Protein backbone atom coordinates (compact mmCIF):
# COMPACT_ATOMS: atom_id res chain seq x y z
CA MET A 1 82.17 -102.81 121.56
CA GLY A 2 83.88 -102.61 118.19
CA MET A 3 83.45 -99.54 115.90
CA ILE A 4 81.64 -101.57 113.10
CA SER A 5 79.02 -102.99 115.53
CA GLU A 6 78.64 -99.45 117.18
CA PHE A 7 78.16 -98.02 113.74
CA LYS A 8 75.48 -100.85 112.81
CA GLU A 9 73.70 -100.11 116.12
CA PHE A 10 73.54 -96.48 115.39
CA ALA A 11 72.34 -96.90 111.68
CA MET A 12 69.57 -99.30 112.57
CA GLN A 13 67.87 -97.00 115.12
CA GLY A 14 64.32 -96.11 114.44
CA ASN A 15 65.05 -92.39 114.03
CA MET A 16 67.98 -93.00 111.46
CA MET A 17 65.65 -95.28 109.37
CA ASP A 18 62.68 -92.78 109.49
CA MET A 19 65.03 -90.12 108.37
CA ALA A 20 66.26 -92.07 105.41
CA VAL A 21 62.86 -92.90 104.38
CA GLY A 22 61.81 -89.12 104.73
CA ILE A 23 64.83 -88.18 102.60
CA ILE A 24 63.87 -90.53 99.80
CA MET A 25 60.30 -89.31 100.08
CA GLY A 26 61.28 -85.88 99.99
CA GLY A 27 63.27 -86.32 96.81
CA ALA A 28 60.48 -87.95 95.00
CA PHE A 29 58.17 -85.35 96.20
CA GLY A 30 60.56 -82.73 94.75
CA THR A 31 60.56 -84.42 91.49
CA VAL A 32 56.72 -84.33 91.41
CA ILE A 33 56.70 -80.63 92.18
CA LYS A 34 59.33 -79.93 89.62
CA SER A 35 57.05 -81.76 87.00
CA LEU A 36 54.05 -79.74 88.32
CA ILE A 37 55.87 -76.45 87.69
CA GLU A 38 57.44 -77.26 84.36
CA ASP A 39 54.68 -79.23 82.73
CA VAL A 40 51.33 -77.72 84.24
CA ILE A 41 51.93 -74.38 85.84
CA MET A 42 54.40 -72.58 83.72
CA PRO A 43 52.56 -73.50 80.40
CA VAL A 44 49.41 -71.92 81.82
CA ILE A 45 51.49 -68.79 82.96
CA GLY A 46 52.91 -68.75 79.41
CA HIS A 47 49.64 -68.93 77.80
CA PHE A 48 48.20 -66.05 79.88
CA SER A 49 51.42 -63.93 79.45
CA GLY A 50 51.39 -64.06 75.66
CA GLY A 51 53.70 -67.15 75.24
CA LEU A 52 56.45 -65.96 77.89
CA ASP A 53 58.75 -68.81 78.57
CA PHE A 54 60.61 -68.15 81.68
CA SER A 55 63.08 -71.12 81.27
CA ALA A 56 64.35 -69.50 77.98
CA LYS A 57 65.01 -66.12 79.69
CA LYS A 58 68.76 -65.17 80.16
CA ILE A 59 71.26 -62.33 80.00
CA THR A 60 74.00 -63.23 77.58
CA LEU A 61 77.36 -62.11 78.92
CA THR A 62 79.51 -63.52 76.01
CA LYS A 63 78.33 -64.74 72.72
CA PRO A 64 78.98 -68.61 72.20
CA THR A 65 81.61 -69.64 69.54
CA LEU A 66 80.04 -71.16 66.39
CA ASP A 67 81.43 -74.00 64.32
CA ALA A 68 81.37 -74.18 60.48
CA ALA A 69 77.62 -75.44 60.62
CA GLY A 70 76.47 -72.35 62.64
CA LYS A 71 75.99 -74.42 65.86
CA ALA A 72 77.13 -73.09 69.16
CA ILE A 73 80.20 -74.99 70.74
CA ASP A 74 79.29 -76.16 74.10
CA GLY A 75 80.98 -74.13 76.95
CA THR A 76 82.05 -71.13 74.90
CA GLY A 77 79.32 -68.74 75.86
CA ALA A 78 78.43 -67.29 79.21
CA ALA A 79 74.90 -66.35 80.27
CA ILE A 80 72.94 -65.52 83.38
CA SER A 81 69.86 -67.87 83.15
CA TYR A 82 67.43 -65.83 85.36
CA GLY A 83 64.37 -67.58 84.07
CA SER A 84 65.61 -70.86 85.42
CA PHE A 85 65.84 -69.28 88.73
CA ILE A 86 62.39 -67.94 88.49
CA ASN A 87 61.29 -71.56 87.84
CA ALA A 88 63.25 -72.78 90.65
CA MET A 89 61.68 -70.05 93.06
CA ILE A 90 58.15 -70.86 92.10
CA ALA A 91 58.95 -74.55 92.67
CA PHE A 92 60.35 -73.96 96.01
CA LEU A 93 57.20 -71.65 96.89
CA ILE A 94 54.81 -74.33 95.86
CA LEU A 95 56.82 -77.08 97.71
CA ALA A 96 57.03 -74.96 100.84
CA TRP A 97 53.41 -74.11 100.79
CA VAL A 98 52.38 -77.94 100.37
CA LEU A 99 54.73 -78.92 103.23
CA PHE A 100 53.32 -76.15 105.34
CA MET A 101 49.83 -77.51 104.69
CA ILE A 102 50.90 -80.95 105.58
CA ILE A 103 52.59 -80.07 108.66
CA LYS A 104 49.65 -77.91 109.71
CA GLY A 105 47.15 -80.86 109.16
CA MET A 106 49.34 -83.14 111.22
CA ASN A 107 49.46 -80.64 114.06
CA LYS A 108 45.66 -80.20 114.02
CA ALA A 109 45.19 -83.99 114.15
CA LYS A 110 47.63 -84.21 117.08
CA LYS A 111 45.95 -81.45 118.83
CA ALA A 112 42.48 -82.93 118.24
CA GLU A 113 43.86 -86.32 119.63
CA ALA A 114 45.43 -84.68 122.48
CA GLU A 115 41.99 -82.86 123.37
CA ALA A 116 40.00 -86.08 123.58
CA PRO A 117 38.70 -86.52 127.06
CA PRO A 118 40.38 -89.21 128.97
CA GLU A 119 38.75 -92.50 129.89
CA PRO A 120 36.97 -92.29 133.17
CA THR A 121 38.78 -93.91 136.14
CA PRO A 122 37.23 -97.12 137.73
CA SER A 123 36.04 -95.06 140.63
CA GLU A 124 34.17 -92.49 138.42
CA THR A 125 32.47 -95.37 136.41
CA LEU A 126 31.47 -96.87 139.73
CA LEU A 127 30.03 -93.43 140.82
CA ALA A 128 28.20 -93.00 137.64
CA GLU A 129 26.58 -96.53 137.96
CA ILE A 130 25.55 -95.56 141.47
CA ARG A 131 24.16 -92.26 140.21
CA ASP A 132 22.23 -94.09 137.54
CA ALA A 133 20.91 -96.65 139.84
CA LEU A 134 19.54 -93.86 142.25
CA LYS A 135 17.81 -92.09 139.49
CA LYS A 136 15.88 -95.30 138.75
């Protein structure tokens, strides 16, 4: 078997395709969570904290060079943007919590499915019919 056909067989396996779909869905889910953090949760936190905006929080290490108009020239200043890090950590915690709840629900559904009583065997069905006939 040639290397190309071997790779094609590997890439078209069900697990590989499932993983690709999962990665794409995970990326989209991450975008939704990021929007939830930046557009819904952080404004509420900012409102209740007196207008605090985490994304603007930073520690300036060196001041940026200004041009004649007073605008900062890109790439000339250095700062530690810890507010962006706080936003990223909040997004991570929410994403981790949501995934935990999804997996917990899936595991509960699998457990309930596994605990369903098995179908009676033909001999058990026959014995039940005999028992019911004797009761009459």
